[in-house]
Amino acid sequence: MATAVHARERSIGELYQSSLDDPRRARLFASSVGFMGAFGVARGMAYAAKYGIPPFHFVYKKGVHIHHLVYGICLLLLIGYLWLLQVGLGERRQSRLWSELTSFLFGVGSALTLDEFAMWLRFSENAYFTNEDRESLDAVVVFGALLSSGLWGAPFWQVLARKFLPFAGKGSR
């Protein structure tokens, strides 16, 4: 009871910091939230555009429909480049902010890309609102499950890694 009262007195930021003090778990959480949120928003906007619900519409550039998987791929490339530069991989508080922000954006880029998985699997624009679109939903569910299993199963995976991987000692991050 005392911890519940204490938790109510703390800000959301304090609860977040204390619950996700492990940087890896915080990155997995941020990525999962970005992924699931972006998937829902992208799906909703695509259906709204299909049925002509303002202000949503499909994006065209010189007569070519620009699908949101293009934005997702660009975002994934940008995040990959930032990670190559080791942005957000340090120990300072500022670095943690960048770490979680880039992880969130990785989730967003993954969702935008995988939402249109059927199109890049079949190379057909017509795969989005069809039965083949089920492949996109399957890809999203599988990827989302992997992200979430990393989040929720982190303690288990860490114990297994320490048991089976000699270089995954307590001090490695």
N, C-alpha and C. Protein backbone atom coordinates (compact mmCIF):
# COMPACT_ATOMS: atom_id res chain seq x y z
N MET A 1 0.83 -1.20 0.00
CA MET A 1 0.00 0.00 0.00
C MET A 1 0.87 1.26 0.00
N ALA A 2 1.94 1.25 0.76
CA ALA A 2 2.82 2.41 0.85
C ALA A 2 3.48 2.70 -0.49
N THR A 3 3.83 1.65 -1.23
CA THR A 3 4.45 1.87 -2.54
C THR A 3 3.45 2.42 -3.53
N ALA A 4 2.18 2.01 -3.45
CA ALA A 4 1.16 2.54 -4.35
C ALA A 4 0.94 4.03 -4.10
N VAL A 5 0.90 4.42 -2.82
CA VAL A 5 0.75 5.83 -2.48
C VAL A 5 1.98 6.60 -2.95
N HIS A 6 3.16 6.02 -2.71
CA HIS A 6 4.41 6.67 -3.14
C HIS A 6 4.43 6.84 -4.66
N ALA A 7 3.96 5.84 -5.39
CA ALA A 7 3.94 5.91 -6.85
C ALA A 7 3.00 7.00 -7.34
N ARG A 8 1.88 7.17 -6.67
CA ARG A 8 0.93 8.22 -7.08
C ARG A 8 1.51 9.61 -6.90
N GLU A 9 2.41 9.76 -5.94
CA GLU A 9 3.00 11.06 -5.66
C GLU A 9 4.09 11.43 -6.66
N ARG A 10 4.61 10.46 -7.39
CA ARG A 10 5.71 10.71 -8.32
C ARG A 10 5.17 11.07 -9.69
N SER A 11 5.94 11.85 -10.41
CA SER A 11 5.52 12.25 -11.75
C SER A 11 5.66 11.07 -12.70
N ILE A 12 5.03 11.18 -13.86
CA ILE A 12 5.14 10.14 -14.87
C ILE A 12 6.59 9.97 -15.29
N GLY A 13 7.31 11.08 -15.41
CA GLY A 13 8.72 11.01 -15.76
C GLY A 13 9.54 10.25 -14.74
N GLU A 14 9.26 10.49 -13.45
CA GLU A 14 9.98 9.77 -12.39
C GLU A 14 9.65 8.28 -12.41
N LEU A 15 8.38 7.96 -12.63
CA LEU A 15 7.98 6.55 -12.71
C LEU A 15 8.65 5.88 -13.91
N TYR A 16 8.69 6.60 -15.02
CA TYR A 16 9.34 6.07 -16.21
C TYR A 16 10.82 5.80 -15.95
N GLN A 17 11.49 6.78 -15.37
CA GLN A 17 12.92 6.64 -15.08
C GLN A 17 13.20 5.49 -14.13
N SER A 18 12.38 5.36 -13.09
CA SER A 18 12.63 4.29 -12.12
C SER A 18 12.25 2.92 -12.66
N SER A 19 11.24 2.85 -13.51
CA SER A 19 10.83 1.57 -14.09
C SER A 19 11.75 1.11 -15.19
N LEU A 20 12.30 2.05 -15.92
CA LEU A 20 13.13 1.71 -17.07
C LEU A 20 14.54 2.24 -16.87
N ASP A 21 15.14 1.88 -15.75
CA ASP A 21 16.49 2.37 -15.47
C ASP A 21 17.55 1.66 -16.31
N ASP A 22 17.22 0.50 -16.86
CA ASP A 22 18.13 -0.20 -17.76
C ASP A 22 17.99 0.42 -19.15
N PRO A 23 19.06 0.99 -19.71
CA PRO A 23 18.96 1.65 -21.02
C PRO A 23 18.46 0.74 -22.14
N ARG A 24 18.82 -0.53 -22.11
CA ARG A 24 18.34 -1.45 -23.15
C ARG A 24 16.84 -1.63 -23.07
N ARG A 25 16.33 -1.78 -21.87
CA ARG A 25 14.88 -1.94 -21.69
C ARG A 25 14.15 -0.67 -22.12
N ALA A 26 14.72 0.48 -21.81
CA ALA A 26 14.11 1.75 -22.21
C ALA A 26 14.08 1.88 -23.73
N ARG A 27 15.14 1.45 -24.41
CA ARG A 27 15.16 1.50 -25.89
C ARG A 27 14.12 0.56 -26.47
N LEU A 28 14.00 -0.64 -25.93
CA LEU A 28 12.99 -1.59 -26.41
C LEU A 28 11.58 -1.05 -26.20
N PHE A 29 11.36 -0.43 -25.05
CA PHE A 29 10.05 0.14 -24.77
C PHE A 29 9.74 1.27 -25.75
N ALA A 30 10.70 2.18 -25.94
CA ALA A 30 10.50 3.31 -26.85
C ALA A 30 10.24 2.82 -28.27
N SER A 31 10.98 1.81 -28.70
CA SER A 31 10.79 1.25 -30.03
C SER A 31 9.42 0.60 -30.18
N SER A 32 8.99 -0.14 -29.16
CA SER A 32 7.68 -0.79 -29.20
C SER A 32 6.55 0.24 -29.26
N VAL A 33 6.67 1.29 -28.45
CA VAL A 33 5.64 2.34 -28.46
C VAL A 33 5.61 3.04 -29.82
N GLY A 34 6.78 3.38 -30.37
CA GLY A 34 6.84 4.01 -31.69
C GLY A 34 6.25 3.12 -32.76
N PHE A 35 6.56 1.84 -32.69
CA PHE A 35 6.08 0.89 -33.69
C PHE A 35 4.56 0.76 -33.66
N MET A 36 4.02 0.45 -32.51
CA MET A 36 2.57 0.23 -32.41
C MET A 36 1.79 1.52 -32.68
N GLY A 37 2.28 2.64 -32.18
CA GLY A 37 1.60 3.91 -32.43
C GLY A 37 1.61 4.29 -33.90
N ALA A 38 2.77 4.19 -34.53
CA ALA A 38 2.88 4.56 -35.95
C ALA A 38 2.07 3.63 -36.83
N PHE A 39 2.05 2.34 -36.49
CA PHE A 39 1.26 1.40 -37.27
C PHE A 39 -0.22 1.78 -37.23
N GLY A 40 -0.73 2.06 -36.05
CA GLY A 40 -2.13 2.44 -35.92
C GLY A 40 -2.46 3.72 -36.66
N VAL A 41 -1.59 4.71 -36.53
CA VAL A 41 -1.81 6.00 -37.20
C VAL A 41 -1.73 5.83 -38.73
N ALA A 42 -0.72 5.09 -39.21
CA ALA A 42 -0.56 4.89 -40.66
C ALA A 42 -1.75 4.16 -41.24
N ARG A 43 -2.19 3.10 -40.57
CA ARG A 43 -3.37 2.35 -41.04
C ARG A 43 -4.60 3.25 -41.07
N GLY A 44 -4.81 3.98 -39.99
CA GLY A 44 -5.97 4.86 -39.92
C GLY A 44 -5.95 5.93 -40.99
N MET A 45 -4.79 6.54 -41.22
CA MET A 45 -4.69 7.59 -42.24
C MET A 45 -4.87 7.01 -43.64
N ALA A 46 -4.33 5.82 -43.88
CA ALA A 46 -4.48 5.20 -45.22
C ALA A 46 -5.94 4.89 -45.51
N TYR A 47 -6.65 4.35 -44.54
CA TYR A 47 -8.07 4.06 -44.76
C TYR A 47 -8.88 5.35 -44.89
N ALA A 48 -8.53 6.37 -44.12
CA ALA A 48 -9.22 7.66 -44.24
C ALA A 48 -8.99 8.25 -45.63
N ALA A 49 -7.77 8.16 -46.14
CA ALA A 49 -7.47 8.67 -47.49
C ALA A 49 -8.22 7.86 -48.54
N LYS A 50 -8.28 6.56 -48.37
CA LYS A 50 -8.99 5.70 -49.33
C LYS A 50 -10.46 6.08 -49.44
N TYR A 51 -11.08 6.39 -48.30
CA TYR A 51 -12.50 6.71 -48.28
C TYR A 51 -12.79 8.21 -48.34
N GLY A 52 -11.75 9.01 -48.64
CA GLY A 52 -11.94 10.44 -48.86
C GLY A 52 -12.32 11.25 -47.63
N ILE A 53 -11.86 10.84 -46.48
CA ILE A 53 -12.16 11.56 -45.24
C ILE A 53 -11.14 12.68 -45.06
N PRO A 54 -11.60 13.95 -45.14
CA PRO A 54 -10.66 15.06 -45.01
C PRO A 54 -10.07 15.11 -43.60
N PRO A 55 -8.90 15.60 -43.45
CA PRO A 55 -7.98 16.20 -44.41
C PRO A 55 -7.03 15.18 -45.03
N PHE A 56 -7.31 13.90 -44.90
CA PHE A 56 -6.38 12.87 -45.34
C PHE A 56 -6.48 12.64 -46.84
N HIS A 57 -5.31 12.42 -47.45
CA HIS A 57 -5.24 12.13 -48.89
C HIS A 57 -3.92 11.43 -49.17
N PHE A 58 -3.87 10.77 -50.30
CA PHE A 58 -2.62 10.13 -50.69
C PHE A 58 -1.65 11.19 -51.21
N VAL A 59 -0.37 10.93 -51.05
CA VAL A 59 0.66 11.88 -51.45
C VAL A 59 1.16 11.50 -52.84
N TYR A 60 1.14 12.48 -53.75
CA TYR A 60 1.63 12.28 -55.11
C TYR A 60 2.71 13.30 -55.41
N LYS A 61 3.74 12.87 -56.10
CA LYS A 61 4.81 13.76 -56.57
C LYS A 61 5.00 13.47 -58.06
N LYS A 62 4.68 14.46 -58.89
CA LYS A 62 4.76 14.32 -60.35
C LYS A 62 4.00 13.09 -60.83
N GLY A 63 2.81 12.89 -60.29
CA GLY A 63 1.95 11.79 -60.71
C GLY A 63 2.28 10.43 -60.10
N VAL A 64 3.30 10.36 -59.26
CA VAL A 64 3.68 9.09 -58.64
C VAL A 64 3.21 9.08 -57.19
N HIS A 65 2.50 8.01 -56.82
CA HIS A 65 2.01 7.88 -55.46
C HIS A 65 3.20 7.51 -54.56
N ILE A 66 3.47 8.37 -53.59
CA ILE A 66 4.55 8.13 -52.63
C ILE A 66 3.94 7.40 -51.44
N HIS A 67 4.26 6.13 -51.30
CA HIS A 67 3.73 5.32 -50.20
C HIS A 67 4.50 5.61 -48.92
N HIS A 68 3.86 5.33 -47.78
CA HIS A 68 4.52 5.64 -46.51
C HIS A 68 5.68 4.69 -46.22
N LEU A 69 5.81 3.60 -46.95
CA LEU A 69 6.99 2.76 -46.76
C LEU A 69 8.25 3.50 -47.18
N VAL A 70 8.13 4.45 -48.11
CA VAL A 70 9.29 5.26 -48.52
C VAL A 70 9.79 6.09 -47.35
N TYR A 71 8.86 6.71 -46.63
CA TYR A 71 9.25 7.50 -45.46
C TYR A 71 9.84 6.58 -44.38
N GLY A 72 9.27 5.38 -44.25
CA GLY A 72 9.79 4.43 -43.27
C GLY A 72 11.21 4.00 -43.60
N ILE A 73 11.48 3.70 -44.86
CA ILE A 73 12.82 3.30 -45.27
C ILE A 73 13.81 4.44 -45.04
N CYS A 74 13.42 5.64 -45.41
CA CYS A 74 14.30 6.80 -45.19
C CYS A 74 14.59 6.99 -43.70
N LEU A 75 13.58 6.83 -42.87
CA LEU A 75 13.75 6.97 -41.43
C LEU A 75 14.67 5.87 -40.88
N LEU A 76 14.50 4.63 -41.35
CA LEU A 76 15.38 3.54 -40.92
C LEU A 76 16.83 3.79 -41.33
N LEU A 77 17.03 4.30 -42.54
CA LEU A 77 18.38 4.61 -42.99
C LEU A 77 19.00 5.72 -42.13
N LEU A 78 18.23 6.74 -41.82
CA LEU A 78 18.71 7.83 -40.98
C LEU A 78 19.09 7.32 -39.58
N ILE A 79 18.22 6.52 -38.99
CA ILE A 79 18.50 6.00 -37.65
C ILE A 79 19.72 5.08 -37.69
N GLY A 80 19.82 4.25 -38.71
CA GLY A 80 21.00 3.39 -38.84
C GLY A 80 22.27 4.21 -38.92
N TYR A 81 22.24 5.29 -39.68
CA TYR A 81 23.40 6.17 -39.79
C TYR A 81 23.74 6.82 -38.45
N LEU A 82 22.71 7.30 -37.75
CA LEU A 82 22.95 7.89 -36.42
C LEU A 82 23.55 6.87 -35.47
N TRP A 83 23.09 5.64 -35.54
CA TRP A 83 23.65 4.61 -34.67
C TRP A 83 25.08 4.26 -35.07
N LEU A 84 25.39 4.33 -36.37
CA LEU A 84 26.78 4.13 -36.78
C LEU A 84 27.68 5.21 -36.19
N LEU A 85 27.13 6.41 -36.08
CA LEU A 85 27.87 7.51 -35.45
C LEU A 85 27.83 7.42 -33.93
N GLN A 86 27.15 6.41 -33.42
CA GLN A 86 27.00 6.14 -31.99
C GLN A 86 26.25 7.24 -31.25
N VAL A 87 25.30 7.85 -31.94
CA VAL A 87 24.43 8.85 -31.30
C VAL A 87 23.54 8.12 -30.30
N GLY A 88 23.55 8.58 -29.08
CA GLY A 88 22.71 8.02 -28.03
C GLY A 88 23.26 6.78 -27.37
N LEU A 89 24.53 6.50 -27.56
CA LEU A 89 25.10 5.28 -26.98
C LEU A 89 25.99 5.54 -25.77
N GLY A 90 26.08 6.79 -25.33
CA GLY A 90 26.91 7.11 -24.17
C GLY A 90 26.17 6.93 -22.86
N GLU A 91 26.81 7.33 -21.77
CA GLU A 91 26.25 7.14 -20.44
C GLU A 91 25.56 8.39 -19.89
N ARG A 92 25.76 9.54 -20.50
CA ARG A 92 25.20 10.79 -19.97
C ARG A 92 23.68 10.85 -20.17
N ARG A 93 23.04 11.71 -19.39
CA ARG A 93 21.59 11.89 -19.47
C ARG A 93 21.17 12.34 -20.87
N GLN A 94 21.90 13.27 -21.46
CA GLN A 94 21.59 13.75 -22.81
C GLN A 94 21.66 12.59 -23.80
N SER A 95 22.62 11.71 -23.61
CA SER A 95 22.77 10.56 -24.47
C SER A 95 21.57 9.61 -24.35
N ARG A 96 21.05 9.48 -23.13
CA ARG A 96 19.88 8.61 -22.94
C ARG A 96 18.68 9.16 -23.68
N LEU A 97 18.51 10.46 -23.68
CA LEU A 97 17.42 11.07 -24.43
C LEU A 97 17.53 10.72 -25.91
N TRP A 98 18.72 10.87 -26.48
CA TRP A 98 18.94 10.54 -27.89
C TRP A 98 18.76 9.05 -28.14
N SER A 99 19.20 8.23 -27.20
CA SER A 99 19.05 6.79 -27.31
C SER A 99 17.59 6.40 -27.43
N GLU A 100 16.77 6.93 -26.56
CA GLU A 100 15.35 6.59 -26.56
C GLU A 100 14.62 7.23 -27.74
N LEU A 101 15.02 8.45 -28.13
CA LEU A 101 14.41 9.09 -29.29
C LEU A 101 14.71 8.32 -30.57
N THR A 102 15.96 7.93 -30.77
CA THR A 102 16.29 7.17 -31.98
C THR A 102 15.62 5.80 -31.96
N SER A 103 15.48 5.20 -30.80
CA SER A 103 14.79 3.91 -30.70
C SER A 103 13.31 4.06 -31.04
N PHE A 104 12.71 5.14 -30.54
CA PHE A 104 11.30 5.42 -30.87
C PHE A 104 11.15 5.59 -32.38
N LEU A 105 12.04 6.37 -32.98
CA LEU A 105 11.96 6.60 -34.43
C LEU A 105 12.26 5.34 -35.23
N PHE A 106 13.10 4.46 -34.70
CA PHE A 106 13.31 3.16 -35.34
C PHE A 106 11.99 2.38 -35.38
N GLY A 107 11.25 2.40 -34.28
CA GLY A 107 9.95 1.74 -34.25
C GLY A 107 8.98 2.34 -35.25
N VAL A 108 8.97 3.67 -35.35
CA VAL A 108 8.11 4.36 -36.31
C VAL A 108 8.48 3.95 -37.74
N GLY A 109 9.76 4.01 -38.06
CA GLY A 109 10.21 3.65 -39.41
C GLY A 109 9.90 2.20 -39.74
N SER A 110 10.05 1.32 -38.77
CA SER A 110 9.74 -0.10 -38.97
C SER A 110 8.26 -0.28 -39.27
N ALA A 111 7.41 0.41 -38.53
CA ALA A 111 5.96 0.30 -38.74
C ALA A 111 5.57 0.82 -40.11
N LEU A 112 6.10 1.97 -40.51
CA LEU A 112 5.75 2.53 -41.81
C LEU A 112 6.19 1.61 -42.94
N THR A 113 7.31 0.95 -42.77
CA THR A 113 7.82 0.05 -43.79
C THR A 113 7.04 -1.26 -43.80
N LEU A 114 6.86 -1.86 -42.65
CA LEU A 114 6.19 -3.16 -42.59
C LEU A 114 4.70 -3.08 -42.84
N ASP A 115 4.10 -1.92 -42.63
CA ASP A 115 2.67 -1.77 -42.91
C ASP A 115 2.39 -2.02 -44.39
N GLU A 116 3.35 -1.78 -45.23
CA GLU A 116 3.17 -2.00 -46.67
C GLU A 116 4.02 -3.17 -47.16
N PHE A 117 4.25 -4.12 -46.27
CA PHE A 117 5.05 -5.30 -46.59
C PHE A 117 4.53 -6.03 -47.82
N ALA A 118 3.24 -6.17 -47.95
CA ALA A 118 2.67 -6.89 -49.10
C ALA A 118 3.06 -6.22 -50.42
N MET A 119 3.17 -4.90 -50.42
CA MET A 119 3.55 -4.20 -51.65
C MET A 119 5.00 -4.46 -52.02
N TRP A 120 5.91 -4.44 -51.04
CA TRP A 120 7.29 -4.67 -51.42
C TRP A 120 7.58 -6.15 -51.58
N LEU A 121 6.73 -7.01 -51.10
CA LEU A 121 6.87 -8.45 -51.36
C LEU A 121 6.39 -8.78 -52.77
N ARG A 122 5.31 -8.17 -53.20
CA ARG A 122 4.70 -8.47 -54.50
C ARG A 122 4.98 -7.41 -55.57
N PHE A 123 5.62 -6.32 -55.21
CA PHE A 123 5.90 -5.22 -56.14
C PHE A 123 4.63 -4.73 -56.82
N SER A 124 3.56 -4.62 -56.05
CA SER A 124 2.29 -4.20 -56.60
C SER A 124 1.64 -3.20 -55.66
N GLU A 125 1.25 -2.07 -56.24
CA GLU A 125 0.57 -1.05 -55.45
C GLU A 125 -0.81 -1.55 -55.03
N ASN A 126 -1.37 -2.47 -55.79
CA ASN A 126 -2.72 -2.94 -55.52
C ASN A 126 -2.80 -3.91 -54.36
N ALA A 127 -1.68 -4.26 -53.74
CA ALA A 127 -1.69 -5.24 -52.65
C ALA A 127 -2.12 -4.64 -51.33
N TYR A 128 -2.26 -3.33 -51.23
CA TYR A 128 -2.49 -2.72 -49.92
C TYR A 128 -3.88 -2.97 -49.36
N PHE A 129 -4.91 -2.80 -50.14
CA PHE A 129 -6.27 -2.95 -49.63
C PHE A 129 -6.91 -4.25 -50.14
N THR A 130 -6.15 -5.33 -50.18
CA THR A 130 -6.64 -6.61 -50.69
C THR A 130 -6.35 -7.71 -49.68
N ASN A 131 -6.65 -8.94 -50.08
CA ASN A 131 -6.34 -10.09 -49.22
C ASN A 131 -4.84 -10.22 -49.02
N GLU A 132 -4.03 -9.82 -50.01
CA GLU A 132 -2.58 -9.87 -49.85
C GLU A 132 -2.12 -8.92 -48.74
N ASP A 133 -2.95 -7.94 -48.45
CA ASP A 133 -2.63 -6.99 -47.39
C ASP A 133 -2.49 -7.71 -46.06
N ARG A 134 -3.07 -8.88 -45.96
CA ARG A 134 -2.95 -9.69 -44.75
C ARG A 134 -1.48 -9.97 -44.44
N GLU A 135 -0.65 -10.10 -45.49
CA GLU A 135 0.78 -10.33 -45.28
C GLU A 135 1.42 -9.17 -44.54
N SER A 136 0.98 -7.95 -44.84
CA SER A 136 1.49 -6.79 -44.12
C SER A 136 1.10 -6.86 -42.64
N LEU A 137 -0.14 -7.21 -42.40
CA LEU A 137 -0.58 -7.32 -41.01
C LEU A 137 0.17 -8.42 -40.28
N ASP A 138 0.40 -9.54 -40.95
CA ASP A 138 1.18 -10.63 -40.34
C ASP A 138 2.59 -10.17 -40.01
N ALA A 139 3.22 -9.45 -40.93
CA ALA A 139 4.58 -8.96 -40.71
C ALA A 139 4.61 -8.01 -39.51
N VAL A 140 3.62 -7.15 -39.40
CA VAL A 140 3.56 -6.21 -38.29
C VAL A 140 3.39 -6.95 -36.97
N VAL A 141 2.52 -7.94 -36.95
CA VAL A 141 2.29 -8.69 -35.72
C VAL A 141 3.56 -9.43 -35.30
N VAL A 142 4.24 -10.07 -36.24
CA VAL A 142 5.46 -10.81 -35.92
C VAL A 142 6.54 -9.85 -35.41
N PHE A 143 6.75 -8.75 -36.12
CA PHE A 143 7.78 -7.81 -35.70
C PHE A 143 7.43 -7.17 -34.36
N GLY A 144 6.17 -6.81 -34.19
CA GLY A 144 5.73 -6.23 -32.92
C GLY A 144 5.91 -7.22 -31.77
N ALA A 145 5.65 -8.49 -32.03
CA ALA A 145 5.83 -9.51 -31.00
C ALA A 145 7.31 -9.64 -30.64
N LEU A 146 8.19 -9.58 -31.64
CA LEU A 146 9.62 -9.65 -31.35
C LEU A 146 10.08 -8.47 -30.51
N LEU A 147 9.61 -7.26 -30.87
CA LEU A 147 9.96 -6.08 -30.07
C LEU A 147 9.47 -6.23 -28.63
N SER A 148 8.22 -6.65 -28.49
CA SER A 148 7.64 -6.76 -27.17
C SER A 148 8.28 -7.89 -26.36
N SER A 149 8.64 -8.98 -27.03
CA SER A 149 9.28 -10.06 -26.28
C SER A 149 10.64 -9.61 -25.77
N GLY A 150 11.30 -8.77 -26.53
CA GLY A 150 12.55 -8.21 -26.04
C GLY A 150 12.33 -7.32 -24.83
N LEU A 151 11.22 -6.60 -24.85
CA LEU A 151 10.90 -5.72 -23.73
C LEU A 151 10.51 -6.52 -22.49
N TRP A 152 9.49 -7.35 -22.64
CA TRP A 152 8.97 -8.05 -21.48
C TRP A 152 9.87 -9.20 -21.04
N GLY A 153 10.58 -9.79 -21.97
CA GLY A 153 11.42 -10.93 -21.62
C GLY A 153 12.86 -10.57 -21.36
N ALA A 154 13.17 -9.30 -21.26
CA ALA A 154 14.56 -8.87 -21.10
C ALA A 154 15.29 -9.56 -19.94
N PRO A 155 14.71 -9.65 -18.76
CA PRO A 155 15.44 -10.33 -17.68
C PRO A 155 15.78 -11.78 -18.03
N PHE A 156 14.82 -12.48 -18.64
CA PHE A 156 15.06 -13.88 -19.02
C PHE A 156 16.16 -13.98 -20.07
N TRP A 157 16.09 -13.14 -21.09
CA TRP A 157 17.11 -13.18 -22.15
C TRP A 157 18.49 -12.85 -21.58
N GLN A 158 18.54 -11.92 -20.62
CA GLN A 158 19.83 -11.57 -20.01
C GLN A 158 20.41 -12.74 -19.23
N VAL A 159 19.56 -13.45 -18.48
CA VAL A 159 20.04 -14.61 -17.74
C VAL A 159 20.55 -15.68 -18.69
N LEU A 160 19.81 -15.92 -19.77
CA LEU A 160 20.27 -16.90 -20.76
C LEU A 160 21.59 -16.48 -21.40
N ALA A 161 21.70 -15.20 -21.72
CA ALA A 161 22.94 -14.72 -22.34
C ALA A 161 24.12 -14.90 -21.40
N ARG A 162 23.94 -14.58 -20.11
CA ARG A 162 25.03 -14.76 -19.15
C ARG A 162 25.40 -16.23 -19.00
N LYS A 163 24.40 -17.09 -19.10
CA LYS A 163 24.64 -18.53 -18.94
C LYS A 163 25.38 -19.11 -20.14
N PHE A 164 24.99 -18.71 -21.35
CA PHE A 164 25.51 -19.36 -22.55
C PHE A 164 26.56 -18.56 -23.32
N LEU A 165 26.67 -17.27 -23.05
CA LEU A 165 27.64 -16.44 -23.77
C LEU A 165 28.68 -15.92 -22.80
N PRO A 166 29.90 -16.36 -22.91
CA PRO A 166 30.92 -15.95 -21.93
C PRO A 166 31.21 -14.46 -21.92
N PHE A 167 31.00 -13.77 -23.04
CA PHE A 167 31.29 -12.33 -23.11
C PHE A 167 30.13 -11.48 -22.61
N ALA A 168 29.00 -12.08 -22.24
CA ALA A 168 27.82 -11.32 -21.81
C ALA A 168 27.79 -11.24 -20.28
N GLY A 169 28.90 -10.85 -19.70
CA GLY A 169 29.00 -10.75 -18.24
C GLY A 169 28.20 -9.60 -17.72
N LYS A 170 28.22 -9.47 -16.39
CA LYS A 170 27.44 -8.43 -15.73
C LYS A 170 27.81 -7.02 -16.15
N GLY A 171 29.08 -6.77 -16.43
CA GLY A 171 29.52 -5.41 -16.73
C GLY A 171 29.26 -4.97 -18.15
N SER A 172 28.87 -5.87 -19.05
CA SER A 172 28.66 -5.46 -20.46
C SER A 172 27.30 -4.83 -20.63
N ARG A 173 27.23 -3.81 -21.49
CA ARG A 173 25.97 -3.13 -21.80
C ARG A 173 25.87 -2.90 -23.27
